[in-house]
Amino acid sequence: MLAAAALVGAGLAYLQFTEQQRDTLKQFEDQQKASRALLISNQVAKGFELLGNKDKEIMQRLGGIYALEGVMNNSEDYHQLSSRSVERIRACGNPNGDGGGPADR
């Protein structure tokens, strides 16, 4: 009888332990998702900041394009946004006002 009670107690302890492990794993996965989302958000913000450079420095604008390209290649959520934004900025012209983008040089 005592052995059965010990076995039941061990079984319940195991179930509690595995439940805690699942909870810990879920929290870890949620933190990873949040960290990734924050990183991507920061990359998008920096990309647009560089693209909108008021000095119209071509190297900074290219840096913005590359930053958005990195987001585009690593995040399905931002892929279309980044792609459309880069194309619209390219269509607006370069800092010299001649209508061409960096690839036209």
Protein backbone atom coordinates (compact mmCIF):
# COMPACT_ATOMS: atom_id res chain seq x y z
CA MET A 1 0.00 0.00 0.00
CA LEU A 2 2.79 2.36 0.90
CA ALA A 3 4.60 1.54 -2.35
CA ALA A 4 1.46 2.35 -4.35
CA ALA A 5 1.15 5.74 -2.64
CA ALA A 6 4.80 6.49 -3.37
CA LEU A 7 4.29 5.49 -6.99
CA VAL A 8 1.25 7.75 -7.34
CA GLY A 9 3.15 10.60 -5.70
CA ALA A 10 6.07 10.12 -8.07
CA GLY A 11 3.68 10.06 -11.04
CA LEU A 12 2.04 13.31 -9.95
CA ALA A 13 5.42 14.95 -9.41
CA TYR A 14 6.47 13.88 -12.90
CA LEU A 15 3.29 15.33 -14.43
CA GLN A 16 3.83 18.62 -12.60
CA PHE A 17 7.46 18.71 -13.74
CA THR A 18 6.59 18.10 -17.40
CA GLU A 19 3.87 20.76 -17.25
CA GLN A 20 6.38 23.27 -15.88
CA GLN A 21 8.81 22.34 -18.65
CA ARG A 22 6.13 22.96 -21.29
CA ASP A 23 5.30 26.32 -19.74
CA THR A 24 8.96 27.29 -19.63
CA LEU A 25 9.45 26.27 -23.26
CA LYS A 26 6.39 28.27 -24.34
CA GLN A 27 7.65 31.35 -22.49
CA PHE A 28 11.06 30.96 -24.13
CA GLU A 29 9.50 30.65 -27.59
CA ASP A 30 7.31 33.70 -26.95
CA GLN A 31 10.37 35.71 -25.88
CA GLN A 32 12.23 34.63 -29.00
CA LYS A 33 9.33 35.72 -31.21
CA ALA A 34 9.12 39.07 -29.45
CA SER A 35 12.89 39.62 -29.77
CA ARG A 36 12.80 38.76 -33.47
CA ALA A 37 9.85 41.08 -34.05
CA LEU A 38 11.68 43.91 -32.26
CA LEU A 39 14.84 43.33 -34.29
CA ILE A 40 12.92 43.36 -37.56
CA SER A 41 11.01 46.47 -36.52
CA ASN A 42 14.28 48.24 -35.72
CA GLN A 43 15.76 47.18 -39.07
CA VAL A 44 12.73 48.52 -40.92
CA ALA A 45 12.88 51.81 -39.02
CA LYS A 46 16.61 52.19 -39.71
CA GLY A 47 16.11 51.32 -43.37
CA PHE A 48 13.47 53.99 -43.82
CA GLU A 49 15.53 56.47 -41.83
CA LEU A 50 18.47 55.95 -44.17
CA LEU A 51 16.27 56.07 -47.27
CA GLY A 52 14.78 59.34 -46.14
CA ASN A 53 18.17 60.91 -45.53
CA LYS A 54 17.67 64.66 -45.82
CA ASP A 55 21.21 65.18 -47.12
CA LYS A 56 20.39 62.81 -50.00
CA GLU A 57 23.69 61.00 -49.54
CA ILE A 58 23.59 58.13 -52.00
CA MET A 59 25.61 55.78 -49.78
CA GLN A 60 23.18 56.23 -46.89
CA ARG A 61 20.22 55.69 -49.17
CA LEU A 62 21.85 52.51 -50.48
CA GLY A 63 22.38 51.43 -46.87
CA GLY A 64 18.65 51.88 -46.36
CA ILE A 65 17.91 49.73 -49.38
CA TYR A 66 20.22 47.00 -48.11
CA ALA A 67 18.67 47.18 -44.63
CA LEU A 68 15.20 46.74 -46.12
CA GLU A 69 16.46 43.97 -48.38
CA GLY A 70 17.70 42.12 -45.30
CA VAL A 71 14.26 42.41 -43.75
CA MET A 72 12.62 41.41 -47.01
CA ASN A 73 14.70 38.23 -47.19
CA ASN A 74 14.15 37.24 -43.55
CA SER A 75 10.56 38.20 -42.78
CA GLU A 76 7.46 37.27 -44.71
CA ASP A 77 5.46 39.83 -42.73
CA TYR A 78 7.56 42.74 -44.01
CA HIS A 79 8.51 41.33 -47.42
CA GLN A 80 5.85 43.13 -49.47
CA LEU A 81 6.15 46.37 -47.49
CA SER A 82 9.92 46.52 -47.99
CA SER A 83 9.72 45.56 -51.63
CA ARG A 84 7.08 48.17 -52.48
CA SER A 85 8.86 50.88 -50.51
CA VAL A 86 12.18 50.32 -52.24
CA GLU A 87 10.48 50.34 -55.66
CA ARG A 88 8.57 53.55 -54.88
CA ILE A 89 11.69 55.31 -53.67
CA ARG A 90 13.57 54.11 -56.74
CA ALA A 91 10.78 55.44 -58.95
CA CYS A 92 10.93 58.84 -57.22
CA GLY A 93 14.45 59.41 -58.44
CA ASN A 94 17.87 59.95 -57.02
CA PRO A 95 19.23 62.95 -55.12
CA ASN A 96 20.36 64.61 -58.36
CA GLY A 97 16.73 64.92 -59.42
CA ASP A 98 17.27 63.25 -62.80
CA GLY A 99 14.65 60.55 -62.20
CA GLY A 100 17.11 57.68 -62.14
CA GLY A 101 18.02 55.59 -59.18
CA PRO A 102 21.39 54.28 -58.08
CA ALA A 103 21.32 51.50 -60.69
CA ASP A 104 21.15 54.07 -63.50
CA ARG A 105 24.66 55.32 -62.88
